[in-house]
C-alpha cells in the first residue's frame, strides 16, 4: 500500500528472489 509496506516486503524476500519488479497498480 505504501513505501513502508514495500520496504518490509523487500526485506522479507530471500536473495534468490532478486531481481524483483515493483509494479504500480
PDBML (XML) file of the C-alpha atoms, coordinates in Angstrom:
<?xml version="1.0" encoding="UTF-8" ?>
<PDBx:datablock datablockName="MODEL"
   xmlns:PDBx="http://pdbml.pdb.org/schema/pdbx-v50.xsd"
   xmlns:xsi="http://www.w3.org/2001/XMLSchema-instance"
   xsi:schemaLocation="http://pdbml.pdb.org/schema/pdbx-v50.xsd pdbx-v50.xsd">
   <PDBx:atom_siteCategory>
      <PDBx:atom_site id="1">
         <PDBx:B_iso_or_equiv>0.00</PDBx:B_iso_or_equiv>
         <PDBx:Cartn_x>0.000</PDBx:Cartn_x>
         <PDBx:Cartn_y>0.000</PDBx:Cartn_y>
         <PDBx:Cartn_z>0.000</PDBx:Cartn_z>
         <PDBx:auth_asym_id>A</PDBx:auth_asym_id>
         <PDBx:auth_atom_id>CA</PDBx:auth_atom_id>
         <PDBx:auth_comp_id>UNK</PDBx:auth_comp_id>
         <PDBx:auth_seq_id>1</PDBx:auth_seq_id>
         <PDBx:group_PDB>ATOM</PDBx:group_PDB>
         <PDBx:label_alt_id xsi:nil="true" />
         <PDBx:label_asym_id>A</PDBx:label_asym_id>
         <PDBx:label_atom_id>CA</PDBx:label_atom_id>
         <PDBx:label_comp_id>UNK</PDBx:label_comp_id>
         <PDBx:label_entity_id>1</PDBx:label_entity_id>
         <PDBx:label_seq_id>1</PDBx:label_seq_id>
         <PDBx:occupancy>1.00</PDBx:occupancy>
         <PDBx:pdbx_PDB_model_num>1</PDBx:pdbx_PDB_model_num>
         <PDBx:type_symbol>C</PDBx:type_symbol>
      </PDBx:atom_site>
      <PDBx:atom_site id="2">
         <PDBx:B_iso_or_equiv>0.00</PDBx:B_iso_or_equiv>
         <PDBx:Cartn_x>2.891</PDBx:Cartn_x>
         <PDBx:Cartn_y>2.363</PDBx:Cartn_y>
         <PDBx:Cartn_z>0.655</PDBx:Cartn_z>
         <PDBx:auth_asym_id>A</PDBx:auth_asym_id>
         <PDBx:auth_atom_id>CA</PDBx:auth_atom_id>
         <PDBx:auth_comp_id>UNK</PDBx:auth_comp_id>
         <PDBx:auth_seq_id>2</PDBx:auth_seq_id>
         <PDBx:group_PDB>ATOM</PDBx:group_PDB>
         <PDBx:label_alt_id xsi:nil="true" />
         <PDBx:label_asym_id>A</PDBx:label_asym_id>
         <PDBx:label_atom_id>CA</PDBx:label_atom_id>
         <PDBx:label_comp_id>UNK</PDBx:label_comp_id>
         <PDBx:label_entity_id>1</PDBx:label_entity_id>
         <PDBx:label_seq_id>2</PDBx:label_seq_id>
         <PDBx:occupancy>1.00</PDBx:occupancy>
         <PDBx:pdbx_PDB_model_num>1</PDBx:pdbx_PDB_model_num>
         <PDBx:type_symbol>C</PDBx:type_symbol>
      </PDBx:atom_site>
      <PDBx:atom_site id="3">
         <PDBx:B_iso_or_equiv>0.00</PDBx:B_iso_or_equiv>
         <PDBx:Cartn_x>6.690</PDBx:Cartn_x>
         <PDBx:Cartn_y>2.710</PDBx:Cartn_y>
         <PDBx:Cartn_z>0.839</PDBx:Cartn_z>
         <PDBx:auth_asym_id>A</PDBx:auth_asym_id>
         <PDBx:auth_atom_id>CA</PDBx:auth_atom_id>
         <PDBx:auth_comp_id>UNK</PDBx:auth_comp_id>
         <PDBx:auth_seq_id>3</PDBx:auth_seq_id>
         <PDBx:group_PDB>ATOM</PDBx:group_PDB>
         <PDBx:label_alt_id xsi:nil="true" />
         <PDBx:label_asym_id>A</PDBx:label_asym_id>
         <PDBx:label_atom_id>CA</PDBx:label_atom_id>
         <PDBx:label_comp_id>UNK</PDBx:label_comp_id>
         <PDBx:label_entity_id>1</PDBx:label_entity_id>
         <PDBx:label_seq_id>3</PDBx:label_seq_id>
         <PDBx:occupancy>1.00</PDBx:occupancy>
         <PDBx:pdbx_PDB_model_num>1</PDBx:pdbx_PDB_model_num>
         <PDBx:type_symbol>C</PDBx:type_symbol>
      </PDBx:atom_site>
      <PDBx:atom_site id="4">
         <PDBx:B_iso_or_equiv>0.00</PDBx:B_iso_or_equiv>
         <PDBx:Cartn_x>6.883</PDBx:Cartn_x>
         <PDBx:Cartn_y>1.246</PDBx:Cartn_y>
         <PDBx:Cartn_z>4.349</PDBx:Cartn_z>
         <PDBx:auth_asym_id>A</PDBx:auth_asym_id>
         <PDBx:auth_atom_id>CA</PDBx:auth_atom_id>
         <PDBx:auth_comp_id>UNK</PDBx:auth_comp_id>
         <PDBx:auth_seq_id>4</PDBx:auth_seq_id>
         <PDBx:group_PDB>ATOM</PDBx:group_PDB>
         <PDBx:label_alt_id xsi:nil="true" />
         <PDBx:label_asym_id>A</PDBx:label_asym_id>
         <PDBx:label_atom_id>CA</PDBx:label_atom_id>
         <PDBx:label_comp_id>UNK</PDBx:label_comp_id>
         <PDBx:label_entity_id>1</PDBx:label_entity_id>
         <PDBx:label_seq_id>4</PDBx:label_seq_id>
         <PDBx:occupancy>1.00</PDBx:occupancy>
         <PDBx:pdbx_PDB_model_num>1</PDBx:pdbx_PDB_model_num>
         <PDBx:type_symbol>C</PDBx:type_symbol>
      </PDBx:atom_site>
      <PDBx:atom_site id="5">
         <PDBx:B_iso_or_equiv>0.00</PDBx:B_iso_or_equiv>
         <PDBx:Cartn_x>4.993</PDBx:Cartn_x>
         <PDBx:Cartn_y>-1.898</PDBx:Cartn_y>
         <PDBx:Cartn_z>3.292</PDBx:Cartn_z>
         <PDBx:auth_asym_id>A</PDBx:auth_asym_id>
         <PDBx:auth_atom_id>CA</PDBx:auth_atom_id>
         <PDBx:auth_comp_id>UNK</PDBx:auth_comp_id>
         <PDBx:auth_seq_id>5</PDBx:auth_seq_id>
         <PDBx:group_PDB>ATOM</PDBx:group_PDB>
         <PDBx:label_alt_id xsi:nil="true" />
         <PDBx:label_asym_id>A</PDBx:label_asym_id>
         <PDBx:label_atom_id>CA</PDBx:label_atom_id>
         <PDBx:label_comp_id>UNK</PDBx:label_comp_id>
         <PDBx:label_entity_id>1</PDBx:label_entity_id>
         <PDBx:label_seq_id>5</PDBx:label_seq_id>
         <PDBx:occupancy>1.00</PDBx:occupancy>
         <PDBx:pdbx_PDB_model_num>1</PDBx:pdbx_PDB_model_num>
         <PDBx:type_symbol>C</PDBx:type_symbol>
      </PDBx:atom_site>
      <PDBx:atom_site id="6">
         <PDBx:B_iso_or_equiv>0.00</PDBx:B_iso_or_equiv>
         <PDBx:Cartn_x>7.214</PDBx:Cartn_x>
         <PDBx:Cartn_y>-2.106</PDBx:Cartn_y>
         <PDBx:Cartn_z>0.214</PDBx:Cartn_z>
         <PDBx:auth_asym_id>A</PDBx:auth_asym_id>
         <PDBx:auth_atom_id>CA</PDBx:auth_atom_id>
         <PDBx:auth_comp_id>UNK</PDBx:auth_comp_id>
         <PDBx:auth_seq_id>6</PDBx:auth_seq_id>
         <PDBx:group_PDB>ATOM</PDBx:group_PDB>
         <PDBx:label_alt_id xsi:nil="true" />
         <PDBx:label_asym_id>A</PDBx:label_asym_id>
         <PDBx:label_atom_id>CA</PDBx:label_atom_id>
         <PDBx:label_comp_id>UNK</PDBx:label_comp_id>
         <PDBx:label_entity_id>1</PDBx:label_entity_id>
         <PDBx:label_seq_id>6</PDBx:label_seq_id>
         <PDBx:occupancy>1.00</PDBx:occupancy>
         <PDBx:pdbx_PDB_model_num>1</PDBx:pdbx_PDB_model_num>
         <PDBx:type_symbol>C</PDBx:type_symbol>
      </PDBx:atom_site>
      <PDBx:atom_site id="7">
         <PDBx:B_iso_or_equiv>0.00</PDBx:B_iso_or_equiv>
         <PDBx:Cartn_x>10.411</PDBx:Cartn_x>
         <PDBx:Cartn_y>-1.961</PDBx:Cartn_y>
         <PDBx:Cartn_z>2.305</PDBx:Cartn_z>
         <PDBx:auth_asym_id>A</PDBx:auth_asym_id>
         <PDBx:auth_atom_id>CA</PDBx:auth_atom_id>
         <PDBx:auth_comp_id>UNK</PDBx:auth_comp_id>
         <PDBx:auth_seq_id>7</PDBx:auth_seq_id>
         <PDBx:group_PDB>ATOM</PDBx:group_PDB>
         <PDBx:label_alt_id xsi:nil="true" />
         <PDBx:label_asym_id>A</PDBx:label_asym_id>
         <PDBx:label_atom_id>CA</PDBx:label_atom_id>
         <PDBx:label_comp_id>UNK</PDBx:label_comp_id>
         <PDBx:label_entity_id>1</PDBx:label_entity_id>
         <PDBx:label_seq_id>7</PDBx:label_seq_id>
         <PDBx:occupancy>1.00</PDBx:occupancy>
         <PDBx:pdbx_PDB_model_num>1</PDBx:pdbx_PDB_model_num>
         <PDBx:type_symbol>C</PDBx:type_symbol>
      </PDBx:atom_site>
      <PDBx:atom_site id="8">
         <PDBx:B_iso_or_equiv>0.00</PDBx:B_iso_or_equiv>
         <PDBx:Cartn_x>9.020</PDBx:Cartn_x>
         <PDBx:Cartn_y>-4.675</PDBx:Cartn_y>
         <PDBx:Cartn_z>4.586</PDBx:Cartn_z>
         <PDBx:auth_asym_id>A</PDBx:auth_asym_id>
         <PDBx:auth_atom_id>CA</PDBx:auth_atom_id>
         <PDBx:auth_comp_id>UNK</PDBx:auth_comp_id>
         <PDBx:auth_seq_id>8</PDBx:auth_seq_id>
         <PDBx:group_PDB>ATOM</PDBx:group_PDB>
         <PDBx:label_alt_id xsi:nil="true" />
         <PDBx:label_asym_id>A</PDBx:label_asym_id>
         <PDBx:label_atom_id>CA</PDBx:label_atom_id>
         <PDBx:label_comp_id>UNK</PDBx:label_comp_id>
         <PDBx:label_entity_id>1</PDBx:label_entity_id>
         <PDBx:label_seq_id>8</PDBx:label_seq_id>
         <PDBx:occupancy>1.00</PDBx:occupancy>
         <PDBx:pdbx_PDB_model_num>1</PDBx:pdbx_PDB_model_num>
         <PDBx:type_symbol>C</PDBx:type_symbol>
      </PDBx:atom_site>
      <PDBx:atom_site id="9">
         <PDBx:B_iso_or_equiv>0.00</PDBx:B_iso_or_equiv>
         <PDBx:Cartn_x>8.088</PDBx:Cartn_x>
         <PDBx:Cartn_y>-6.914</PDBx:Cartn_y>
         <PDBx:Cartn_z>1.615</PDBx:Cartn_z>
         <PDBx:auth_asym_id>A</PDBx:auth_asym_id>
         <PDBx:auth_atom_id>CA</PDBx:auth_atom_id>
         <PDBx:auth_comp_id>UNK</PDBx:auth_comp_id>
         <PDBx:auth_seq_id>9</PDBx:auth_seq_id>
         <PDBx:group_PDB>ATOM</PDBx:group_PDB>
         <PDBx:label_alt_id xsi:nil="true" />
         <PDBx:label_asym_id>A</PDBx:label_asym_id>
         <PDBx:label_atom_id>CA</PDBx:label_atom_id>
         <PDBx:label_comp_id>UNK</PDBx:label_comp_id>
         <PDBx:label_entity_id>1</PDBx:label_entity_id>
         <PDBx:label_seq_id>9</PDBx:label_seq_id>
         <PDBx:occupancy>1.00</PDBx:occupancy>
         <PDBx:pdbx_PDB_model_num>1</PDBx:pdbx_PDB_model_num>
         <PDBx:type_symbol>C</PDBx:type_symbol>
      </PDBx:atom_site>
      <PDBx:atom_site id="10">
         <PDBx:B_iso_or_equiv>0.00</PDBx:B_iso_or_equiv>
         <PDBx:Cartn_x>11.520</PDBx:Cartn_x>
         <PDBx:Cartn_y>-6.443</PDBx:Cartn_y>
         <PDBx:Cartn_z>0.026</PDBx:Cartn_z>
         <PDBx:auth_asym_id>A</PDBx:auth_asym_id>
         <PDBx:auth_atom_id>CA</PDBx:auth_atom_id>
         <PDBx:auth_comp_id>UNK</PDBx:auth_comp_id>
         <PDBx:auth_seq_id>10</PDBx:auth_seq_id>
         <PDBx:group_PDB>ATOM</PDBx:group_PDB>
         <PDBx:label_alt_id xsi:nil="true" />
         <PDBx:label_asym_id>A</PDBx:label_asym_id>
         <PDBx:label_atom_id>CA</PDBx:label_atom_id>
         <PDBx:label_comp_id>UNK</PDBx:label_comp_id>
         <PDBx:label_entity_id>1</PDBx:label_entity_id>
         <PDBx:label_seq_id>10</PDBx:label_seq_id>
         <PDBx:occupancy>1.00</PDBx:occupancy>
         <PDBx:pdbx_PDB_model_num>1</PDBx:pdbx_PDB_model_num>
         <PDBx:type_symbol>C</PDBx:type_symbol>
      </PDBx:atom_site>
      <PDBx:atom_site id="11">
         <PDBx:B_iso_or_equiv>0.00</PDBx:B_iso_or_equiv>
         <PDBx:Cartn_x>13.311</PDBx:Cartn_x>
         <PDBx:Cartn_y>-7.180</PDBx:Cartn_y>
         <PDBx:Cartn_z>3.307</PDBx:Cartn_z>
         <PDBx:auth_asym_id>A</PDBx:auth_asym_id>
         <PDBx:auth_atom_id>CA</PDBx:auth_atom_id>
         <PDBx:auth_comp_id>UNK</PDBx:auth_comp_id>
         <PDBx:auth_seq_id>11</PDBx:auth_seq_id>
         <PDBx:group_PDB>ATOM</PDBx:group_PDB>
         <PDBx:label_alt_id xsi:nil="true" />
         <PDBx:label_asym_id>A</PDBx:label_asym_id>
         <PDBx:label_atom_id>CA</PDBx:label_atom_id>
         <PDBx:label_comp_id>UNK</PDBx:label_comp_id>
         <PDBx:label_entity_id>1</PDBx:label_entity_id>
         <PDBx:label_seq_id>11</PDBx:label_seq_id>
         <PDBx:occupancy>1.00</PDBx:occupancy>
         <PDBx:pdbx_PDB_model_num>1</PDBx:pdbx_PDB_model_num>
         <PDBx:type_symbol>C</PDBx:type_symbol>
      </PDBx:atom_site>
      <PDBx:atom_site id="12">
         <PDBx:B_iso_or_equiv>0.00</PDBx:B_iso_or_equiv>
         <PDBx:Cartn_x>11.384</PDBx:Cartn_x>
         <PDBx:Cartn_y>-10.435</PDBx:Cartn_y>
         <PDBx:Cartn_z>3.724</PDBx:Cartn_z>
         <PDBx:auth_asym_id>A</PDBx:auth_asym_id>
         <PDBx:auth_atom_id>CA</PDBx:auth_atom_id>
         <PDBx:auth_comp_id>UNK</PDBx:auth_comp_id>
         <PDBx:auth_seq_id>12</PDBx:auth_seq_id>
         <PDBx:group_PDB>ATOM</PDBx:group_PDB>
         <PDBx:label_alt_id xsi:nil="true" />
         <PDBx:label_asym_id>A</PDBx:label_asym_id>
         <PDBx:label_atom_id>CA</PDBx:label_atom_id>
         <PDBx:label_comp_id>UNK</PDBx:label_comp_id>
         <PDBx:label_entity_id>1</PDBx:label_entity_id>
         <PDBx:label_seq_id>12</PDBx:label_seq_id>
         <PDBx:occupancy>1.00</PDBx:occupancy>
         <PDBx:pdbx_PDB_model_num>1</PDBx:pdbx_PDB_model_num>
         <PDBx:type_symbol>C</PDBx:type_symbol>
      </PDBx:atom_site>
      <PDBx:atom_site id="13">
         <PDBx:B_iso_or_equiv>0.00</PDBx:B_iso_or_equiv>
         <PDBx:Cartn_x>12.466</PDBx:Cartn_x>
         <PDBx:Cartn_y>-11.822</PDBx:Cartn_y>
         <PDBx:Cartn_z>0.337</PDBx:Cartn_z>
         <PDBx:auth_asym_id>A</PDBx:auth_asym_id>
         <PDBx:auth_atom_id>CA</PDBx:auth_atom_id>
         <PDBx:auth_comp_id>UNK</PDBx:auth_comp_id>
         <PDBx:auth_seq_id>13</PDBx:auth_seq_id>
         <PDBx:group_PDB>ATOM</PDBx:group_PDB>
         <PDBx:label_alt_id xsi:nil="true" />
         <PDBx:label_asym_id>A</PDBx:label_asym_id>
         <PDBx:label_atom_id>CA</PDBx:label_atom_id>
         <PDBx:label_comp_id>UNK</PDBx:label_comp_id>
         <PDBx:label_entity_id>1</PDBx:label_entity_id>
         <PDBx:label_seq_id>13</PDBx:label_seq_id>
         <PDBx:occupancy>1.00</PDBx:occupancy>
         <PDBx:pdbx_PDB_model_num>1</PDBx:pdbx_PDB_model_num>
         <PDBx:type_symbol>C</PDBx:type_symbol>
      </PDBx:atom_site>
      <PDBx:atom_site id="14">
         <PDBx:B_iso_or_equiv>0.00</PDBx:B_iso_or_equiv>
         <PDBx:Cartn_x>15.410</PDBx:Cartn_x>
         <PDBx:Cartn_y>-14.213</PDBx:Cartn_y>
         <PDBx:Cartn_z>0.065</PDBx:Cartn_z>
         <PDBx:auth_asym_id>A</PDBx:auth_asym_id>
         <PDBx:auth_atom_id>CA</PDBx:auth_atom_id>
         <PDBx:auth_comp_id>UNK</PDBx:auth_comp_id>
         <PDBx:auth_seq_id>14</PDBx:auth_seq_id>
         <PDBx:group_PDB>ATOM</PDBx:group_PDB>
         <PDBx:label_alt_id xsi:nil="true" />
         <PDBx:label_asym_id>A</PDBx:label_asym_id>
         <PDBx:label_atom_id>CA</PDBx:label_atom_id>
         <PDBx:label_comp_id>UNK</PDBx:label_comp_id>
         <PDBx:label_entity_id>1</PDBx:label_entity_id>
         <PDBx:label_seq_id>14</PDBx:label_seq_id>
         <PDBx:occupancy>1.00</PDBx:occupancy>
         <PDBx:pdbx_PDB_model_num>1</PDBx:pdbx_PDB_model_num>
         <PDBx:type_symbol>C</PDBx:type_symbol>
      </PDBx:atom_site>
      <PDBx:atom_site id="15">
         <PDBx:B_iso_or_equiv>0.00</PDBx:B_iso_or_equiv>
         <PDBx:Cartn_x>18.357</PDBx:Cartn_x>
         <PDBx:Cartn_y>-13.196</PDBx:Cartn_y>
         <PDBx:Cartn_z>-2.130</PDBx:Cartn_z>
         <PDBx:auth_asym_id>A</PDBx:auth_asym_id>
         <PDBx:auth_atom_id>CA</PDBx:auth_atom_id>
         <PDBx:auth_comp_id>UNK</PDBx:auth_comp_id>
         <PDBx:auth_seq_id>15</PDBx:auth_seq_id>
         <PDBx:group_PDB>ATOM</PDBx:group_PDB>
         <PDBx:label_alt_id xsi:nil="true" />
         <PDBx:label_asym_id>A</PDBx:label_asym_id>
         <PDBx:label_atom_id>CA</PDBx:label_atom_id>
         <PDBx:label_comp_id>UNK</PDBx:label_comp_id>
         <PDBx:label_entity_id>1</PDBx:label_entity_id>
         <PDBx:label_seq_id>15</PDBx:label_seq_id>
         <PDBx:occupancy>1.00</PDBx:occupancy>
         <PDBx:pdbx_PDB_model_num>1</PDBx:pdbx_PDB_model_num>
         <PDBx:type_symbol>C</PDBx:type_symbol>
      </PDBx:atom_site>
      <PDBx:atom_site id="16">
         <PDBx:B_iso_or_equiv>0.00</PDBx:B_iso_or_equiv>
         <PDBx:Cartn_x>17.251</PDBx:Cartn_x>
         <PDBx:Cartn_y>-15.725</PDBx:Cartn_y>
         <PDBx:Cartn_z>-4.778</PDBx:Cartn_z>
         <PDBx:auth_asym_id>A</PDBx:auth_asym_id>
         <PDBx:auth_atom_id>CA</PDBx:auth_atom_id>
         <PDBx:auth_comp_id>UNK</PDBx:auth_comp_id>
         <PDBx:auth_seq_id>16</PDBx:auth_seq_id>
         <PDBx:group_PDB>ATOM</PDBx:group_PDB>
         <PDBx:label_alt_id xsi:nil="true" />
         <PDBx:label_asym_id>A</PDBx:label_asym_id>
         <PDBx:label_atom_id>CA</PDBx:label_atom_id>
         <PDBx:label_comp_id>UNK</PDBx:label_comp_id>
         <PDBx:label_entity_id>1</PDBx:label_entity_id>
         <PDBx:label_seq_id>16</PDBx:label_seq_id>
         <PDBx:occupancy>1.00</PDBx:occupancy>
         <PDBx:pdbx_PDB_model_num>1</PDBx:pdbx_PDB_model_num>
         <PDBx:type_symbol>C</PDBx:type_symbol>
      </PDBx:atom_site>
      <PDBx:atom_site id="17">
         <PDBx:B_iso_or_equiv>0.00</PDBx:B_iso_or_equiv>
         <PDBx:Cartn_x>14.060</PDBx:Cartn_x>
         <PDBx:Cartn_y>-13.711</PDBx:Cartn_y>
         <PDBx:Cartn_z>-5.329</PDBx:Cartn_z>
         <PDBx:auth_asym_id>A</PDBx:auth_asym_id>
         <PDBx:auth_atom_id>CA</PDBx:auth_atom_id>
         <PDBx:auth_comp_id>UNK</PDBx:auth_comp_id>
         <PDBx:auth_seq_id>17</PDBx:auth_seq_id>
         <PDBx:group_PDB>ATOM</PDBx:group_PDB>
         <PDBx:label_alt_id xsi:nil="true" />
         <PDBx:label_asym_id>A</PDBx:label_asym_id>
         <PDBx:label_atom_id>CA</PDBx:label_atom_id>
         <PDBx:label_comp_id>UNK</PDBx:label_comp_id>
         <PDBx:label_entity_id>1</PDBx:label_entity_id>
         <PDBx:label_seq_id>17</PDBx:label_seq_id>
         <PDBx:occupancy>1.00</PDBx:occupancy>
         <PDBx:pdbx_PDB_model_num>1</PDBx:pdbx_PDB_model_num>
         <PDBx:type_symbol>C</PDBx:type_symbol>
      </PDBx:atom_site>
      <PDBx:atom_site id="18">
         <PDBx:B_iso_or_equiv>0.00</PDBx:B_iso_or_equiv>
         <PDBx:Cartn_x>16.026</PDBx:Cartn_x>
         <PDBx:Cartn_y>-10.851</PDBx:Cartn_y>
         <PDBx:Cartn_z>-6.854</PDBx:Cartn_z>
         <PDBx:auth_asym_id>A</PDBx:auth_asym_id>
         <PDBx:auth_atom_id>CA</PDBx:auth_atom_id>
         <PDBx:auth_comp_id>UNK</PDBx:auth_comp_id>
         <PDBx:auth_seq_id>18</PDBx:auth_seq_id>
         <PDBx:group_PDB>ATOM</PDBx:group_PDB>
         <PDBx:label_alt_id xsi:nil="true" />
         <PDBx:label_asym_id>A</PDBx:label_asym_id>
         <PDBx:label_atom_id>CA</PDBx:label_atom_id>
         <PDBx:label_comp_id>UNK</PDBx:label_comp_id>
         <PDBx:label_entity_id>1</PDBx:label_entity_id>
         <PDBx:label_seq_id>18</PDBx:label_seq_id>
         <PDBx:occupancy>1.00</PDBx:occupancy>
         <PDBx:pdbx_PDB_model_num>1</PDBx:pdbx_PDB_model_num>
         <PDBx:type_symbol>C</PDBx:type_symbol>
      </PDBx:atom_site>
      <PDBx:atom_site id="19">
         <PDBx:B_iso_or_equiv>0.00</PDBx:B_iso_or_equiv>
         <PDBx:Cartn_x>15.783</PDBx:Cartn_x>
         <PDBx:Cartn_y>-9.067</PDBx:Cartn_y>
         <PDBx:Cartn_z>-9.159</PDBx:Cartn_z>
         <PDBx:auth_asym_id>A</PDBx:auth_asym_id>
         <PDBx:auth_atom_id>CA</PDBx:auth_atom_id>
         <PDBx:auth_comp_id>UNK</PDBx:auth_comp_id>
         <PDBx:auth_seq_id>19</PDBx:auth_seq_id>
         <PDBx:group_PDB>ATOM</PDBx:group_PDB>
         <PDBx:label_alt_id xsi:nil="true" />
         <PDBx:label_asym_id>A</PDBx:label_asym_id>
         <PDBx:label_atom_id>CA</PDBx:label_atom_id>
         <PDBx:label_comp_id>UNK</PDBx:label_comp_id>
         <PDBx:label_entity_id>1</PDBx:label_entity_id>
         <PDBx:label_seq_id>19</PDBx:label_seq_id>
         <PDBx:occupancy>1.00</PDBx:occupancy>
         <PDBx:pdbx_PDB_model_num>1</PDBx:pdbx_PDB_model_num>
         <PDBx:type_symbol>C</PDBx:type_symbol>
      </PDBx:atom_site>
      <PDBx:atom_site id="20">
         <PDBx:B_iso_or_equiv>0.00</PDBx:B_iso_or_equiv>
         <PDBx:Cartn_x>12.236</PDBx:Cartn_x>
         <PDBx:Cartn_y>-8.004</PDBx:Cartn_y>
         <PDBx:Cartn_z>-8.329</PDBx:Cartn_z>
         <PDBx:auth_asym_id>A</PDBx:auth_asym_id>
         <PDBx:auth_atom_id>CA</PDBx:auth_atom_id>
         <PDBx:auth_comp_id>UNK</PDBx:auth_comp_id>
         <PDBx:auth_seq_id>20</PDBx:auth_seq_id>
         <PDBx:group_PDB>ATOM</PDBx:group_PDB>
         <PDBx:label_alt_id xsi:nil="true" />
         <PDBx:label_asym_id>A</PDBx:label_asym_id>
         <PDBx:label_atom_id>CA</PDBx:label_atom_id>
         <PDBx:label_comp_id>UNK</PDBx:label_comp_id>
         <PDBx:label_entity_id>1</PDBx:label_entity_id>
         <PDBx:label_seq_id>20</PDBx:label_seq_id>
         <PDBx:occupancy>1.00</PDBx:occupancy>
         <PDBx:pdbx_PDB_model_num>1</PDBx:pdbx_PDB_model_num>
         <PDBx:type_symbol>C</PDBx:type_symbol>
      </PDBx:atom_site>
      <PDBx:atom_site id="21">
         <PDBx:B_iso_or_equiv>0.00</PDBx:B_iso_or_equiv>
         <PDBx:Cartn_x>9.792</PDBx:Cartn_x>
         <PDBx:Cartn_y>-5.792</PDBx:Cartn_y>
         <PDBx:Cartn_z>-10.156</PDBx:Cartn_z>
         <PDBx:auth_asym_id>A</PDBx:auth_asym_id>
         <PDBx:auth_atom_id>CA</PDBx:auth_atom_id>
         <PDBx:auth_comp_id>UNK</PDBx:auth_comp_id>
         <PDBx:auth_seq_id>21</PDBx:auth_seq_id>
         <PDBx:group_PDB>ATOM</PDBx:group_PDB>
         <PDBx:label_alt_id xsi:nil="true" />
         <PDBx:label_asym_id>A</PDBx:label_asym_id>
         <PDBx:label_atom_id>CA</PDBx:label_atom_id>
         <PDBx:label_comp_id>UNK</PDBx:label_comp_id>
         <PDBx:label_entity_id>1</PDBx:label_entity_id>
         <PDBx:label_seq_id>21</PDBx:label_seq_id>
         <PDBx:occupancy>1.00</PDBx:occupancy>
         <PDBx:pdbx_PDB_model_num>1</PDBx:pdbx_PDB_model_num>
         <PDBx:type_symbol>C</PDBx:type_symbol>
      </PDBx:atom_site>
      <PDBx:atom_site id="22">
         <PDBx:B_iso_or_equiv>0.00</PDBx:B_iso_or_equiv>
         <PDBx:Cartn_x>7.904</PDBx:Cartn_x>
         <PDBx:Cartn_y>-3.089</PDBx:Cartn_y>
         <PDBx:Cartn_z>-8.316</PDBx:Cartn_z>
         <PDBx:auth_asym_id>A</PDBx:auth_asym_id>
         <PDBx:auth_atom_id>CA</PDBx:auth_atom_id>
         <PDBx:auth_comp_id>UNK</PDBx:auth_comp_id>
         <PDBx:auth_seq_id>22</PDBx:auth_seq_id>
         <PDBx:group_PDB>ATOM</PDBx:group_PDB>
         <PDBx:label_alt_id xsi:nil="true" />
         <PDBx:label_asym_id>A</PDBx:label_asym_id>
         <PDBx:label_atom_id>CA</PDBx:label_atom_id>
         <PDBx:label_comp_id>UNK</PDBx:label_comp_id>
         <PDBx:label_entity_id>1</PDBx:label_entity_id>
         <PDBx:label_seq_id>22</PDBx:label_seq_id>
         <PDBx:occupancy>1.00</PDBx:occupancy>
         <PDBx:pdbx_PDB_model_num>1</PDBx:pdbx_PDB_model_num>
         <PDBx:type_symbol>C</PDBx:type_symbol>
      </PDBx:atom_site>
      <PDBx:atom_site id="23">
         <PDBx:B_iso_or_equiv>0.00</PDBx:B_iso_or_equiv>
         <PDBx:Cartn_x>4.810</PDBx:Cartn_x>
         <PDBx:Cartn_y>-2.632</PDBx:Cartn_y>
         <PDBx:Cartn_z>-10.450</PDBx:Cartn_z>
         <PDBx:auth_asym_id>A</PDBx:auth_asym_id>
         <PDBx:auth_atom_id>CA</PDBx:auth_atom_id>
         <PDBx:auth_comp_id>UNK</PDBx:auth_comp_id>
         <PDBx:auth_seq_id>23</PDBx:auth_seq_id>
         <PDBx:group_PDB>ATOM</PDBx:group_PDB>
         <PDBx:label_alt_id xsi:nil="true" />
         <PDBx:label_asym_id>A</PDBx:label_asym_id>
         <PDBx:label_atom_id>CA</PDBx:label_atom_id>
         <PDBx:label_comp_id>UNK</PDBx:label_comp_id>
         <PDBx:label_entity_id>1</PDBx:label_entity_id>
         <PDBx:label_seq_id>23</PDBx:label_seq_id>
         <PDBx:occupancy>1.00</PDBx:occupancy>
         <PDBx:pdbx_PDB_model_num>1</PDBx:pdbx_PDB_model_num>
         <PDBx:type_symbol>C</PDBx:type_symbol>
      </PDBx:atom_site>
      <PDBx:atom_site id="24">
         <PDBx:B_iso_or_equiv>0.00</PDBx:B_iso_or_equiv>
         <PDBx:Cartn_x>2.368</PDBx:Cartn_x>
         <PDBx:Cartn_y>0.193</PDBx:Cartn_y>
         <PDBx:Cartn_z>-9.954</PDBx:Cartn_z>
         <PDBx:auth_asym_id>A</PDBx:auth_asym_id>
         <PDBx:auth_atom_id>CA</PDBx:auth_atom_id>
         <PDBx:auth_comp_id>UNK</PDBx:auth_comp_id>
         <PDBx:auth_seq_id>24</PDBx:auth_seq_id>
         <PDBx:group_PDB>ATOM</PDBx:group_PDB>
         <PDBx:label_alt_id xsi:nil="true" />
         <PDBx:label_asym_id>A</PDBx:label_asym_id>
         <PDBx:label_atom_id>CA</PDBx:label_atom_id>
         <PDBx:label_comp_id>UNK</PDBx:label_comp_id>
         <PDBx:label_entity_id>1</PDBx:label_entity_id>
         <PDBx:label_seq_id>24</PDBx:label_seq_id>
         <PDBx:occupancy>1.00</PDBx:occupancy>
         <PDBx:pdbx_PDB_model_num>1</PDBx:pdbx_PDB_model_num>
         <PDBx:type_symbol>C</PDBx:type_symbol>
      </PDBx:atom_site>
      <PDBx:atom_site id="25">
         <PDBx:B_iso_or_equiv>0.00</PDBx:B_iso_or_equiv>
         <PDBx:Cartn_x>-1.260</PDBx:Cartn_x>
         <PDBx:Cartn_y>-0.895</PDBx:Cartn_y>
         <PDBx:Cartn_z>-9.819</PDBx:Cartn_z>
         <PDBx:auth_asym_id>A</PDBx:auth_asym_id>
         <PDBx:auth_atom_id>CA</PDBx:auth_atom_id>
         <PDBx:auth_comp_id>UNK</PDBx:auth_comp_id>
         <PDBx:auth_seq_id>25</PDBx:auth_seq_id>
         <PDBx:group_PDB>ATOM</PDBx:group_PDB>
         <PDBx:label_alt_id xsi:nil="true" />
         <PDBx:label_asym_id>A</PDBx:label_asym_id>
         <PDBx:label_atom_id>CA</PDBx:label_atom_id>
         <PDBx:label_comp_id>UNK</PDBx:label_comp_id>
         <PDBx:label_entity_id>1</PDBx:label_entity_id>
         <PDBx:label_seq_id>25</PDBx:label_seq_id>
         <PDBx:occupancy>1.00</PDBx:occupancy>
         <PDBx:pdbx_PDB_model_num>1</PDBx:pdbx_PDB_model_num>
         <PDBx:type_symbol>C</PDBx:type_symbol>
      </PDBx:atom_site>
   </PDBx:atom_siteCategory>
</PDBx:datablock>
